[in-house]
Amino acid sequence: MKKIPYYPGCTLKTTGKNFEDSAIATAKVLGLKLLEIDRWNCCGTVTSLTQDDLIHHIASVRNFIRVQEMNERGEVDDHRLLTLCSMCYNTLKSVGNVMQERPDDLDKINNFMDREEDYKGGVTVVHLLELIREMGFDEIKSKVKKNLGKLKVSPYYGCTLLRPKEVALDDPEVPTIMEDLLNAIGVDVIDSPKKSMCCGSYQTVRNPKTVVRLAYEIIESARKRGAEALVTSCPLCAFNLDDRQKEIKMEHPDFERMPVFYFTQLTALAFGLKKDVNNFDLNFTDPRPLLKKKKI
């Protein structure tokens, strides 16, 4: 079992436990043990776009130091830091690039954090989807025990897995990594031109009407092409596309709710794992009636 440092982030310990539990169980089948890093803190959520705003990088660098310490103690087999949440991935990856490209800024941050050991660099941020692609999708296919072919699902990437291009885990214009995984586990994949359209992100706080409009467009685009559910890797996207369906129904009385899965939940189902690892009761729209209808 290969041990890799794992950064959960805040949401996966609260409303995203369905994401975390299904990911840990799925990774185990693939020979990966996700070792949660000690004393992790919030990734910072977003990175600053101005070069002199170093304070916004400190949260991420502290997490890199935790990975560095795990490697120094010989607790892990991989120097990379694995993430699940798309926003955490984007933030950590962006900061990692900055620290590698601007060593003077890294020196300033190390000097500021006088109670931490210096971060020496070298921690690479990787998403679980990237590790799955690295293993090979034929390997994924070999682990499948349950037929999900009756389930019509549309992948939704959103912004933070694909933009900016410096952190993108796939082609920003024509991503296929999620489709490749879903095909490997036997799901009927439905493409949608709005799969990388922004869900509204944090506008859900200050301008929820905008999020409701965007969510409606994304969901209906997938539905018109035959999708019965969406699949994502972002807890914020899951909230905007799923929980906001209550408001969509108020504006569009004919609207029918559509379940939103995490990619790890569908993978766990295909691998034949116990259903309790998926915590479907934490999904905003319960997907179990759809699964029952499809005899999955």
Protein backbone atom coordinates (compact mmCIF):
# COMPACT_ATOMS: atom_id res chain seq x y z
CA MET A 1 0.00 0.00 0.00
CA LYS A 2 1.61 3.26 -1.13
CA LYS A 3 1.40 6.02 1.48
CA ILE A 4 0.86 9.55 0.20
CA PRO A 5 0.35 12.83 2.12
CA TYR A 6 -3.27 13.91 1.93
CA TYR A 7 -4.73 17.37 2.43
CA PRO A 8 -8.49 17.26 3.16
CA GLY A 9 -9.34 20.95 3.52
CA CYS A 10 -12.17 22.38 5.57
CA THR A 11 -15.27 21.33 3.66
CA LEU A 12 -14.36 17.65 3.47
CA LYS A 13 -14.49 17.50 7.26
CA THR A 14 -18.03 18.93 7.34
CA THR A 15 -20.54 18.95 4.48
CA GLY A 16 -18.10 17.12 2.18
CA LYS A 17 -17.63 13.96 4.27
CA ASN A 18 -19.39 12.05 1.50
CA PHE A 19 -16.53 13.12 -0.78
CA GLU A 20 -13.74 12.29 1.67
CA ASP A 21 -15.03 8.91 2.82
CA SER A 22 -15.70 7.66 -0.70
CA ALA A 23 -12.29 8.91 -1.86
CA ILE A 24 -10.36 7.20 0.95
CA ALA A 25 -12.20 3.92 0.34
CA THR A 26 -11.70 4.14 -3.42
CA ALA A 27 -8.00 4.98 -3.08
CA LYS A 28 -7.50 1.92 -0.86
CA VAL A 29 -8.79 -0.34 -3.62
CA LEU A 30 -6.21 1.27 -5.90
CA GLY A 31 -3.37 0.59 -3.48
CA LEU A 32 -3.16 4.11 -2.06
CA LYS A 33 -3.25 4.99 1.62
CA LEU A 34 -4.11 8.65 2.11
CA LEU A 35 -2.24 9.87 5.19
CA GLU A 36 -3.81 13.08 6.43
CA ILE A 37 -1.11 15.66 7.12
CA ASP A 38 -0.61 16.77 10.73
CA ARG A 39 -1.87 20.14 11.92
CA TRP A 40 -3.14 21.19 8.52
CA ASN A 41 -4.84 24.54 8.17
CA CYS A 42 -7.13 26.13 5.58
CA CYS A 43 -5.42 26.36 2.19
CA GLY A 44 -6.28 30.05 2.08
CA THR A 45 -9.19 29.35 -0.30
CA VAL A 46 -7.95 31.74 -2.97
CA THR A 47 -4.57 33.09 -4.02
CA SER A 48 -3.72 36.71 -4.64
CA LEU A 49 -3.14 37.82 -8.21
CA THR A 50 -0.69 40.55 -7.14
CA GLN A 51 2.96 39.59 -6.72
CA ASP A 52 3.58 41.68 -3.60
CA ASP A 53 0.70 40.16 -1.61
CA LEU A 54 2.68 37.34 0.01
CA ILE A 55 0.54 37.05 3.13
CA HIS A 56 -2.09 35.13 1.15
CA HIS A 57 0.46 32.41 0.38
CA ILE A 58 1.40 31.62 3.97
CA ALA A 59 -1.50 29.28 4.71
CA SER A 60 -0.58 27.03 1.80
CA VAL A 61 3.15 27.10 2.60
CA ARG A 62 2.43 25.96 6.16
CA ASN A 63 0.73 22.90 4.71
CA PHE A 64 3.74 22.25 2.49
CA ILE A 65 5.94 22.30 5.60
CA ARG A 66 3.74 19.61 7.14
CA VAL A 67 4.36 17.43 4.05
CA GLN A 68 8.07 18.18 4.26
CA GLU A 69 8.07 17.03 7.89
CA MET A 70 6.26 13.79 7.02
CA ASN A 71 8.90 13.03 4.42
CA GLU A 72 11.71 13.81 6.83
CA ARG A 73 10.22 11.37 9.33
CA GLY A 74 9.90 8.70 6.65
CA GLU A 75 6.15 8.36 7.13
CA VAL A 76 5.20 8.52 3.44
CA ASP A 77 6.34 7.04 0.13
CA ASP A 78 5.60 10.06 -2.02
CA HIS A 79 6.69 13.70 -1.73
CA ARG A 80 3.57 14.88 -3.50
CA LEU A 81 0.56 16.35 -1.69
CA LEU A 82 -2.75 14.84 -2.76
CA THR A 83 -5.92 16.91 -2.75
CA LEU A 84 -9.58 16.22 -3.54
CA CYS A 85 -11.38 19.57 -3.41
CA SER A 86 -11.00 21.51 -6.68
CA MET A 87 -10.64 24.85 -4.89
CA CYS A 88 -7.96 23.51 -2.53
CA TYR A 89 -6.17 21.98 -5.50
CA ASN A 90 -6.20 25.28 -7.37
CA THR A 91 -5.01 27.31 -4.39
CA LEU A 92 -2.25 24.94 -3.27
CA LYS A 93 -1.05 24.32 -6.82
CA SER A 94 -0.90 28.06 -7.56
CA VAL A 95 1.08 28.81 -4.40
CA GLY A 96 3.41 25.89 -5.08
CA ASN A 97 4.17 27.32 -8.51
CA VAL A 98 4.87 30.76 -7.03
CA MET A 99 7.27 29.34 -4.44
CA GLN A 100 9.14 27.46 -7.13
CA GLU A 101 9.33 30.35 -9.56
CA ARG A 102 10.08 33.15 -7.06
CA PRO A 103 12.68 31.99 -4.50
CA ASP A 104 13.04 35.51 -3.08
CA ASP A 105 9.39 35.44 -2.08
CA LEU A 106 9.90 32.05 -0.47
CA ASP A 107 12.78 33.50 1.58
CA LYS A 108 10.53 36.33 2.78
CA ILE A 109 7.81 33.89 3.83
CA ASN A 110 10.29 31.65 5.64
CA ASN A 111 11.68 34.66 7.50
CA PHE A 112 8.18 35.73 8.47
CA MET A 113 7.28 32.30 9.88
CA ASP A 114 10.04 32.24 12.47
CA ARG A 115 8.33 29.51 14.51
CA GLU A 116 8.21 27.08 11.58
CA GLU A 117 11.07 25.24 9.98
CA ASP A 118 11.98 26.67 6.60
CA TYR A 119 10.10 25.34 3.63
CA LYS A 120 12.74 24.04 1.24
CA GLY A 121 10.44 23.66 -1.74
CA GLY A 122 9.82 20.54 -3.75
CA VAL A 123 6.28 19.65 -2.70
CA THR A 124 4.17 18.99 -5.78
CA VAL A 125 0.39 19.26 -5.51
CA VAL A 126 -1.57 16.55 -7.27
CA HIS A 127 -5.28 15.82 -7.59
CA LEU A 128 -6.67 12.31 -7.13
CA LEU A 129 -7.88 12.40 -10.73
CA GLU A 130 -4.27 12.88 -11.85
CA LEU A 131 -3.09 9.88 -9.83
CA ILE A 132 -5.87 7.79 -11.34
CA ARG A 133 -4.78 8.82 -14.84
CA GLU A 134 -1.19 8.02 -13.88
CA MET A 135 -2.20 4.48 -12.86
CA GLY A 136 -3.97 4.01 -16.15
CA PHE A 137 -7.69 3.74 -16.84
CA ASP A 138 -7.33 0.07 -17.77
CA GLU A 139 -6.27 -0.52 -14.16
CA ILE A 140 -9.43 1.24 -13.01
CA LYS A 141 -11.53 -0.88 -15.35
CA SER A 142 -10.01 -4.04 -13.89
CA LYS A 143 -11.35 -3.12 -10.43
CA VAL A 144 -14.97 -2.69 -11.54
CA LYS A 145 -17.41 -5.15 -9.98
CA LYS A 146 -20.79 -3.49 -10.54
CA ASN A 147 -22.39 -2.47 -13.83
CA LEU A 148 -23.29 1.24 -13.91
CA GLY A 149 -24.04 1.32 -17.62
CA LYS A 150 -27.67 2.30 -17.15
CA LEU A 151 -26.72 5.53 -15.39
CA LYS A 152 -26.45 8.58 -17.68
CA VAL A 153 -24.06 11.09 -16.10
CA SER A 154 -22.62 14.39 -17.29
CA PRO A 155 -19.18 15.46 -15.98
CA TYR A 156 -18.91 18.97 -14.58
CA TYR A 157 -15.40 20.44 -14.19
CA GLY A 158 -16.13 24.04 -13.32
CA CYS A 159 -13.27 26.51 -13.21
CA THR A 160 -10.63 25.55 -10.70
CA LEU A 161 -9.49 22.22 -12.17
CA LEU A 162 -8.87 23.86 -15.53
CA ARG A 163 -8.01 27.52 -15.01
CA PRO A 164 -5.57 29.17 -15.10
CA LYS A 165 -3.70 26.95 -17.54
CA GLU A 166 -0.64 26.93 -15.24
CA VAL A 167 -2.49 24.72 -12.76
CA ALA A 168 -4.86 22.89 -15.13
CA LEU A 169 -4.86 19.11 -14.73
CA ASP A 170 -6.15 18.68 -18.29
CA ASP A 171 -6.70 20.61 -21.50
CA PRO A 172 -8.59 23.73 -20.35
CA GLU A 173 -10.61 23.84 -23.55
CA VAL A 174 -11.29 20.15 -24.13
CA PRO A 175 -10.86 18.24 -20.85
CA THR A 176 -11.38 14.49 -20.90
CA ILE A 177 -9.92 13.18 -17.62
CA MET A 178 -13.29 12.85 -15.91
CA GLU A 179 -14.89 11.32 -19.00
CA ASP A 180 -12.03 8.81 -19.18
CA LEU A 181 -12.62 7.77 -15.57
CA LEU A 182 -16.38 7.51 -15.99
CA ASN A 183 -15.96 5.44 -19.13
CA ALA A 184 -13.55 3.16 -17.26
CA ILE A 185 -16.08 2.48 -14.51
CA GLY A 186 -18.81 1.83 -17.08
CA VAL A 187 -21.04 4.88 -16.71
CA ASP A 188 -22.96 6.16 -19.74
CA VAL A 189 -21.18 9.52 -20.19
CA ILE A 190 -23.16 12.49 -21.51
CA ASP A 191 -21.11 15.44 -22.76
CA SER A 192 -22.26 19.02 -22.24
CA PRO A 193 -20.84 22.27 -23.65
CA LYS A 194 -21.31 23.88 -20.22
CA LYS A 195 -19.12 21.40 -18.32
CA SER A 196 -16.42 24.02 -17.68
CA MET A 197 -18.76 26.99 -17.26
CA CYS A 198 -18.48 28.74 -13.88
CA CYS A 199 -21.20 27.85 -11.38
CA GLY A 200 -20.95 31.29 -9.77
CA SER A 201 -18.48 30.29 -7.06
CA TYR A 202 -18.63 32.64 -4.04
CA GLN A 203 -21.32 34.77 -5.67
CA THR A 204 -23.57 32.27 -3.90
CA VAL A 205 -23.10 34.50 -0.83
CA ARG A 206 -23.45 37.99 -2.25
CA ASN A 207 -25.48 37.35 -5.38
CA PRO A 208 -27.34 34.02 -5.13
CA LYS A 209 -29.68 34.92 -8.01
CA THR A 210 -26.72 34.81 -10.38
CA VAL A 211 -25.79 31.37 -9.07
CA VAL A 212 -29.36 30.14 -9.48
CA ARG A 213 -29.36 31.30 -13.10
CA LEU A 214 -26.00 29.68 -13.88
CA ALA A 215 -26.91 26.44 -12.12
CA TYR A 216 -30.15 26.22 -14.07
CA GLU A 217 -28.30 26.66 -17.37
CA ILE A 218 -25.69 24.04 -16.49
CA ILE A 219 -28.19 21.45 -15.29
CA GLU A 220 -30.64 21.93 -18.15
CA SER A 221 -27.83 21.80 -20.73
CA ALA A 222 -26.88 18.36 -19.42
CA ARG A 223 -30.51 17.23 -19.10
CA LYS A 224 -31.36 18.19 -22.69
CA ARG A 225 -28.57 15.87 -23.83
CA GLY A 226 -29.93 12.97 -21.82
CA ALA A 227 -28.11 13.25 -18.48
CA GLU A 228 -29.80 12.04 -15.31
CA ALA A 229 -27.12 13.32 -12.94
CA LEU A 230 -24.02 15.49 -12.76
CA VAL A 231 -20.63 14.51 -11.36
CA THR A 232 -18.07 16.92 -9.94
CA SER A 233 -14.95 17.27 -7.78
CA CYS A 234 -15.77 20.56 -6.08
CA PRO A 235 -17.79 20.94 -2.86
CA LEU A 236 -18.63 24.54 -3.72
CA CYS A 237 -19.84 23.52 -7.18
CA ALA A 238 -21.81 20.71 -5.55
CA PHE A 239 -23.50 23.23 -3.27
CA ASN A 240 -24.28 25.69 -6.05
CA LEU A 241 -25.53 23.05 -8.48
CA ASP A 242 -27.36 20.93 -5.94
CA ASP A 243 -28.54 22.88 -2.90
CA ARG A 244 -29.52 25.86 -5.04
CA GLN A 245 -32.00 23.65 -6.90
CA LYS A 246 -34.55 24.68 -4.27
CA GLU A 247 -34.37 28.25 -5.59
CA ILE A 248 -34.34 27.04 -9.19
CA LYS A 249 -37.62 25.24 -8.53
CA MET A 250 -39.13 28.45 -7.18
CA GLU A 251 -38.22 30.34 -10.38
CA HIS A 252 -38.96 27.46 -12.75
CA PRO A 253 -41.91 25.42 -11.40
CA ASP A 254 -41.47 22.72 -14.07
CA PHE A 255 -37.85 22.12 -13.04
CA GLU A 256 -37.04 18.60 -11.81
CA ARG A 257 -34.22 18.10 -9.33
CA MET A 258 -31.09 16.33 -10.57
CA PRO A 259 -28.62 14.50 -8.29
CA VAL A 260 -25.00 15.65 -8.19
CA PHE A 261 -22.40 12.98 -7.42
CA TYR A 262 -18.75 13.27 -6.51
CA PHE A 263 -16.64 11.23 -8.93
CA THR A 264 -15.42 9.13 -5.99
CA GLN A 265 -18.97 8.12 -5.07
CA LEU A 266 -19.58 6.63 -8.50
CA THR A 267 -16.17 4.96 -8.47
CA ALA A 268 -16.91 3.42 -5.07
CA LEU A 269 -20.22 2.10 -6.42
CA ALA A 270 -18.52 0.59 -9.46
CA PHE A 271 -15.88 -1.04 -7.25
CA GLY A 272 -18.65 -2.73 -5.29
CA LEU A 273 -17.81 -1.03 -2.00
CA LYS A 274 -20.32 -0.79 0.82
CA LYS A 275 -22.82 1.97 0.14
CA ASP A 276 -22.23 3.58 3.53
CA VAL A 277 -18.83 4.90 2.36
CA ASN A 278 -20.75 7.20 0.00
CA ASN A 279 -22.86 8.90 2.69
CA PHE A 280 -25.58 9.62 0.15
CA ASP A 281 -27.65 11.19 2.92
CA LEU A 282 -25.20 14.13 2.77
CA ASN A 283 -25.89 14.81 -0.90
CA PHE A 284 -28.23 17.79 -1.15
CA THR A 285 -30.42 15.89 -3.64
CA ASP A 286 -30.69 12.26 -2.57
CA PRO A 287 -29.42 10.14 -5.48
CA ARG A 288 -30.70 6.87 -4.04
CA PRO A 289 -34.13 6.99 -5.75
CA LEU A 290 -32.35 7.31 -9.12
CA LEU A 291 -29.99 4.45 -8.27
CA LYS A 292 -32.92 2.31 -7.17
CA LYS A 293 -34.77 3.10 -10.39
CA LYS A 294 -31.70 2.03 -12.35
CA LYS A 295 -31.33 -1.10 -10.17
CA ILE A 296 -27.85 -0.09 -9.07
